[in-house]
């Protein structure tokens, strides 16, 4: 299986995500580990890959 390409917004590239959000169930979590993208973090509620976002987005 091929890995998905991770596309980050300009602000994420410059500053990193402030929080991770699950696109499947909406669970939010703080972005805990600098250098590890949210897409590599699994949702604690449903197990889907999280998505990075800035606070207030």
PDB file of N, CA and C in Angstrom:
ATOM      1  N   UNK A   1       0.842  -1.175   0.000  1.00  0.00           N
ATOM      2  CA  UNK A   1       0.000   0.000   0.000  1.00  0.00           C
ATOM      3  C   UNK A   1       0.893   1.246   0.000  1.00  0.00           C
ATOM      4  N   UNK A   2       0.600   2.195  -0.861  1.00  0.00           N
ATOM      5  CA  UNK A   2       1.386   3.425  -0.950  1.00  0.00           C
ATOM      6  C   UNK A   2       1.009   4.370   0.189  1.00  0.00           C
ATOM      7  N   UNK A   3       2.001   5.109   0.687  1.00  0.00           N
ATOM      8  CA  UNK A   3       1.732   6.083   1.735  1.00  0.00           C
ATOM      9  C   UNK A   3       1.108   7.329   1.129  1.00  0.00           C
ATOM     10  N   UNK A   4       0.227   7.980   1.899  1.00  0.00           N
ATOM     11  CA  UNK A   4      -0.383   9.222   1.448  1.00  0.00           C
ATOM     12  C   UNK A   4       0.632  10.350   1.539  1.00  0.00           C
ATOM     13  N   UNK A   5       0.570  11.256   0.585  1.00  0.00           N
ATOM     14  CA  UNK A   5       1.433  12.437   0.628  1.00  0.00           C
ATOM     15  C   UNK A   5       0.811  13.444   1.587  1.00  0.00           C
ATOM     16  N   UNK A   6       1.602  13.980   2.497  1.00  0.00           N
ATOM     17  CA  UNK A   6       1.121  14.957   3.460  1.00  0.00           C
ATOM     18  C   UNK A   6       1.339  16.345   2.887  1.00  0.00           C
ATOM     19  N   UNK A   7       0.265  17.109   2.779  1.00  0.00           N
ATOM     20  CA  UNK A   7       0.338  18.474   2.271  1.00  0.00           C
ATOM     21  C   UNK A   7       0.033  19.404   3.435  1.00  0.00           C
ATOM     22  N   UNK A   8       0.952  20.325   3.709  1.00  0.00           N
ATOM     23  CA  UNK A   8       0.767  21.261   4.804  1.00  0.00           C
ATOM     24  C   UNK A   8       0.529  22.657   4.255  1.00  0.00           C
ATOM     25  N   UNK A   9      -0.241  23.445   5.006  1.00  0.00           N
ATOM     26  CA  UNK A   9      -0.456  24.830   4.622  1.00  0.00           C
ATOM     27  C   UNK A   9       0.814  25.622   4.909  1.00  0.00           C
ATOM     28  N   UNK A  10       0.901  26.810   4.335  1.00  0.00           N
ATOM     29  CA  UNK A  10       2.083  27.656   4.535  1.00  0.00           C
ATOM     30  C   UNK A  10       2.308  27.949   6.016  1.00  0.00           C
ATOM     31  N   UNK A  11       1.222  28.225   6.760  1.00  0.00           N
ATOM     32  CA  UNK A  11       1.380  28.529   8.182  1.00  0.00           C
ATOM     33  C   UNK A  11       1.847  27.310   8.966  1.00  0.00           C
ATOM     34  N   UNK A  12       1.430  26.112   8.579  1.00  0.00           N
ATOM     35  CA  UNK A  12       1.897  24.899   9.246  1.00  0.00           C
ATOM     36  C   UNK A  12       3.373  24.663   8.975  1.00  0.00           C
ATOM     37  N   UNK A  13       3.815  24.946   7.763  1.00  0.00           N
ATOM     38  CA  UNK A  13       5.224  24.771   7.437  1.00  0.00           C
ATOM     39  C   UNK A  13       6.092  25.722   8.246  1.00  0.00           C
ATOM     40  N   UNK A  14       5.583  26.942   8.471  1.00  0.00           N
ATOM     41  CA  UNK A  14       6.359  27.941   9.192  1.00  0.00           C
ATOM     42  C   UNK A  14       6.318  27.726  10.704  1.00  0.00           C
ATOM     43  N   UNK A  15       5.155  27.449  11.244  1.00  0.00           N
ATOM     44  CA  UNK A  15       4.994  27.401  12.692  1.00  0.00           C
ATOM     45  C   UNK A  15       4.570  26.043  13.242  1.00  0.00           C
ATOM     46  N   UNK A  16       4.076  25.148  12.418  1.00  0.00           N
ATOM     47  CA  UNK A  16       3.565  23.859  12.890  1.00  0.00           C
ATOM     48  C   UNK A  16       2.127  23.973  13.354  1.00  0.00           C
ATOM     49  N   UNK A  17       1.472  22.852  13.442  1.00  0.00           N
ATOM     50  CA  UNK A  17       0.084  22.816  13.882  1.00  0.00           C
ATOM     51  C   UNK A  17       0.001  23.080  15.379  1.00  0.00           C
ATOM     52  N   UNK A  18      -1.056  23.742  15.793  1.00  0.00           N
ATOM     53  CA  UNK A  18      -1.281  24.013  17.211  1.00  0.00           C
ATOM     54  C   UNK A  18      -2.125  22.918  17.844  1.00  0.00           C
ATOM     55  N   UNK A  19      -2.994  22.285  17.042  1.00  0.00           N
ATOM     56  CA  UNK A  19      -3.803  21.191  17.556  1.00  0.00           C
ATOM     57  C   UNK A  19      -4.082  20.202  16.436  1.00  0.00           C
ATOM     58  N   UNK A  20      -4.438  18.992  16.830  1.00  0.00           N
ATOM     59  CA  UNK A  20      -4.787  17.940  15.884  1.00  0.00           C
ATOM     60  C   UNK A  20      -6.286  17.693  15.985  1.00  0.00           C
ATOM     61  N   UNK A  21      -6.939  17.502  14.842  1.00  0.00           N
ATOM     62  CA  UNK A  21      -8.372  17.257  14.792  1.00  0.00           C
ATOM     63  C   UNK A  21      -8.619  16.010  13.961  1.00  0.00           C
ATOM     64  N   UNK A  22      -9.519  15.169  14.426  1.00  0.00           N
ATOM     65  CA  UNK A  22      -9.883  13.971  13.675  1.00  0.00           C
ATOM     66  C   UNK A  22     -10.934  14.346  12.637  1.00  0.00           C
ATOM     67  N   UNK A  23     -10.652  14.128  11.344  1.00  0.00           N
ATOM     68  CA  UNK A  23     -11.628  14.473  10.315  1.00  0.00           C
ATOM     69  C   UNK A  23     -12.838  13.537  10.316  1.00  0.00           C
ATOM     70  N   UNK A  24     -12.724  12.393  10.970  1.00  0.00           N
ATOM     71  CA  UNK A  24     -13.817  11.417  10.990  1.00  0.00           C
ATOM     72  C   UNK A  24     -14.823  11.684  12.116  1.00  0.00           C
ATOM     73  N   UNK A  25     -14.318  11.870  13.351  1.00  0.00           N
ATOM     74  CA  UNK A  25     -15.241  12.021  14.487  1.00  0.00           C
ATOM     75  C   UNK A  25     -15.186  13.397  15.153  1.00  0.00           C
ATOM     76  N   UNK A  26     -14.211  14.254  14.753  1.00  0.00           N
ATOM     77  CA  UNK A  26     -14.140  15.610  15.285  1.00  0.00           C
ATOM     78  C   UNK A  26     -13.394  15.767  16.602  1.00  0.00           C
ATOM     79  N   UNK A  27     -12.816  14.705  17.127  1.00  0.00           N
ATOM     80  CA  UNK A  27     -12.052  14.788  18.370  1.00  0.00           C
ATOM     81  C   UNK A  27     -10.853  15.714  18.180  1.00  0.00           C
ATOM     82  N   UNK A  28     -10.613  16.595  19.156  1.00  0.00           N
ATOM     83  CA  UNK A  28      -9.482  17.520  19.108  1.00  0.00           C
ATOM     84  C   UNK A  28      -8.477  17.159  20.191  1.00  0.00           C
ATOM     85  N   UNK A  29      -7.203  17.360  19.886  1.00  0.00           N
ATOM     86  CA  UNK A  29      -6.135  17.104  20.849  1.00  0.00           C
ATOM     87  C   UNK A  29      -5.005  18.083  20.578  1.00  0.00           C
ATOM     88  N   UNK A  30      -4.281  18.514  21.616  1.00  0.00           N
ATOM     89  CA  UNK A  30      -3.132  19.393  21.384  1.00  0.00           C
ATOM     90  C   UNK A  30      -2.060  18.661  20.591  1.00  0.00           C
ATOM     91  N   UNK A  31      -1.338  19.401  19.759  1.00  0.00           N
ATOM     92  CA  UNK A  31      -0.228  18.813  19.006  1.00  0.00           C
ATOM     93  C   UNK A  31       0.923  18.644  19.982  1.00  0.00           C
ATOM     94  N   UNK A  32       1.140  17.424  20.416  1.00  0.00           N
ATOM     95  CA  UNK A  32       2.037  17.152  21.537  1.00  0.00           C
ATOM     96  C   UNK A  32       3.517  17.082  21.184  1.00  0.00           C
ATOM     97  N   UNK A  33       3.871  16.574  20.004  1.00  0.00           N
ATOM     98  CA  UNK A  33       5.273  16.317  19.704  1.00  0.00           C
ATOM     99  C   UNK A  33       5.747  17.106  18.494  1.00  0.00           C
ATOM    100  N   UNK A  34       6.601  18.083  18.724  1.00  0.00           N
ATOM    101  CA  UNK A  34       7.176  18.871  17.631  1.00  0.00           C
ATOM    102  C   UNK A  34       7.981  17.946  16.724  1.00  0.00           C
ATOM    103  N   UNK A  35       7.788  18.086  15.424  1.00  0.00           N
ATOM    104  CA  UNK A  35       8.504  17.256  14.463  1.00  0.00           C
ATOM    105  C   UNK A  35       7.735  16.009  14.051  1.00  0.00           C
ATOM    106  N   UNK A  36       6.647  15.701  14.761  1.00  0.00           N
ATOM    107  CA  UNK A  36       5.792  14.569  14.398  1.00  0.00           C
ATOM    108  C   UNK A  36       4.462  15.144  13.923  1.00  0.00           C
ATOM    109  N   UNK A  37       4.152  15.026  12.631  1.00  0.00           N
ATOM    110  CA  UNK A  37       2.917  15.615  12.119  1.00  0.00           C
ATOM    111  C   UNK A  37       1.676  14.948  12.709  1.00  0.00           C
ATOM    112  N   UNK A  38       0.601  15.718  12.795  1.00  0.00           N
ATOM    113  CA  UNK A  38      -0.659  15.176  13.302  1.00  0.00           C
ATOM    114  C   UNK A  38      -1.100  13.967  12.492  1.00  0.00           C
ATOM    115  N   UNK A  39      -0.786  13.953  11.205  1.00  0.00           N
ATOM    116  CA  UNK A  39      -1.206  12.844  10.344  1.00  0.00           C
ATOM    117  C   UNK A  39      -0.576  11.518  10.765  1.00  0.00           C
ATOM    118  N   UNK A  40       0.472  11.572  11.574  1.00  0.00           N
ATOM    119  CA  UNK A  40       1.110  10.359  12.092  1.00  0.00           C
ATOM    120  C   UNK A  40       0.558   9.983  13.469  1.00  0.00           C
ATOM    121  N   UNK A  41      -0.400  10.779  13.973  1.00  0.00           N
ATOM    122  CA  UNK A  41      -1.019  10.537  15.265  1.00  0.00           C
ATOM    123  C   UNK A  41      -2.406   9.950  15.050  1.00  0.00           C
ATOM    124  N   UNK A  42      -2.732   8.895  15.782  1.00  0.00           N
ATOM    125  CA  UNK A  42      -4.052   8.275  15.659  1.00  0.00           C
ATOM    126  C   UNK A  42      -5.018   8.906  16.648  1.00  0.00           C
ATOM    127  N   UNK A  43      -6.263   9.051  16.220  1.00  0.00           N
ATOM    128  CA  UNK A  43      -7.317   9.580  17.076  1.00  0.00           C
ATOM    129  C   UNK A  43      -7.524   8.630  18.257  1.00  0.00           C
ATOM    130  N   UNK A  44      -7.534   9.166  19.484  1.00  0.00           N
ATOM    131  CA  UNK A  44      -7.724   8.304  20.647  1.00  0.00           C
ATOM    132  C   UNK A  44      -9.138   7.724  20.734  1.00  0.00           C
ATOM    133  N   UNK A  45     -10.074   8.342  20.022  1.00  0.00           N
ATOM    134  CA  UNK A  45     -11.469   7.904  20.087  1.00  0.00           C
ATOM    135  C   UNK A  45     -11.812   6.857  19.025  1.00  0.00           C
ATOM    136  N   UNK A  46     -11.391   7.091  17.753  1.00  0.00           N
ATOM    137  CA  UNK A  46     -11.809   6.181  16.674  1.00  0.00           C
ATOM    138  C   UNK A  46     -10.650   5.523  15.928  1.00  0.00           C
ATOM    139  N   UNK A  47      -9.404   6.000  16.156  1.00  0.00           N
ATOM    140  CA  UNK A  47      -8.242   5.374  15.530  1.00  0.00           C
ATOM    141  C   UNK A  47      -7.863   5.908  14.161  1.00  0.00           C
ATOM    142  N   UNK A  48      -8.609   6.875  13.630  1.00  0.00           N
ATOM    143  CA  UNK A  48      -8.281   7.470  12.327  1.00  0.00           C
ATOM    144  C   UNK A  48      -7.074   8.389  12.458  1.00  0.00           C
ATOM    145  N   UNK A  49      -6.428   8.698  11.339  1.00  0.00           N
ATOM    146  CA  UNK A  49      -5.309   9.639  11.338  1.00  0.00           C
ATOM    147  C   UNK A  49      -5.838  11.042  11.608  1.00  0.00           C
ATOM    148  N   UNK A  50      -5.152  11.763  12.481  1.00  0.00           N
ATOM    149  CA  UNK A  50      -5.543  13.130  12.819  1.00  0.00           C
ATOM    150  C   UNK A  50      -5.071  14.081  11.723  1.00  0.00           C
ATOM    151  N   UNK A  51      -5.575  15.309  11.751  1.00  0.00           N
ATOM    152  CA  UNK A  51      -5.206  16.351  10.793  1.00  0.00           C
ATOM    153  C   UNK A  51      -4.787  17.582  11.587  1.00  0.00           C
ATOM    154  N   UNK A  52      -3.704  18.225  11.171  1.00  0.00           N
ATOM    155  CA  UNK A  52      -3.228  19.413  11.869  1.00  0.00           C
ATOM    156  C   UNK A  52      -4.024  20.645  11.506  1.00  0.00           C
ATOM    157  N   UNK A  53      -4.206  21.535  12.477  1.00  0.00           N
ATOM    158  CA  UNK A  53      -4.895  22.794  12.248  1.00  0.00           C
ATOM    159  C   UNK A  53      -4.356  23.833  13.228  1.00  0.00           C
ATOM    160  N   UNK A  54      -4.552  25.087  12.915  1.00  0.00           N
ATOM    161  CA  UNK A  54      -4.143  26.165  13.800  1.00  0.00           C
ATOM    162  C   UNK A  54      -5.286  26.465  14.758  1.00  0.00           C
ATOM    163  N   UNK A  55      -4.989  26.898  15.966  1.00  0.00           N
ATOM    164  CA  UNK A  55      -6.032  27.289  16.912  1.00  0.00           C
ATOM    165  C   UNK A  55      -6.823  28.441  16.313  1.00  0.00           C
ATOM    166  N   UNK A  56      -8.122  28.397  16.435  1.00  0.00           N
ATOM    167  CA  UNK A  56      -8.969  29.447  15.904  1.00  0.00           C
ATOM    168  C   UNK A  56      -9.398  29.218  14.476  1.00  0.00           C
ATOM    169  N   UNK A  57      -8.879  28.187  13.796  1.00  0.00           N
ATOM    170  CA  UNK A  57      -9.286  27.894  12.417  1.00  0.00           C
ATOM    171  C   UNK A  57     -10.634  27.218  12.398  1.00  0.00           C
TER     172      UNK A  57
END
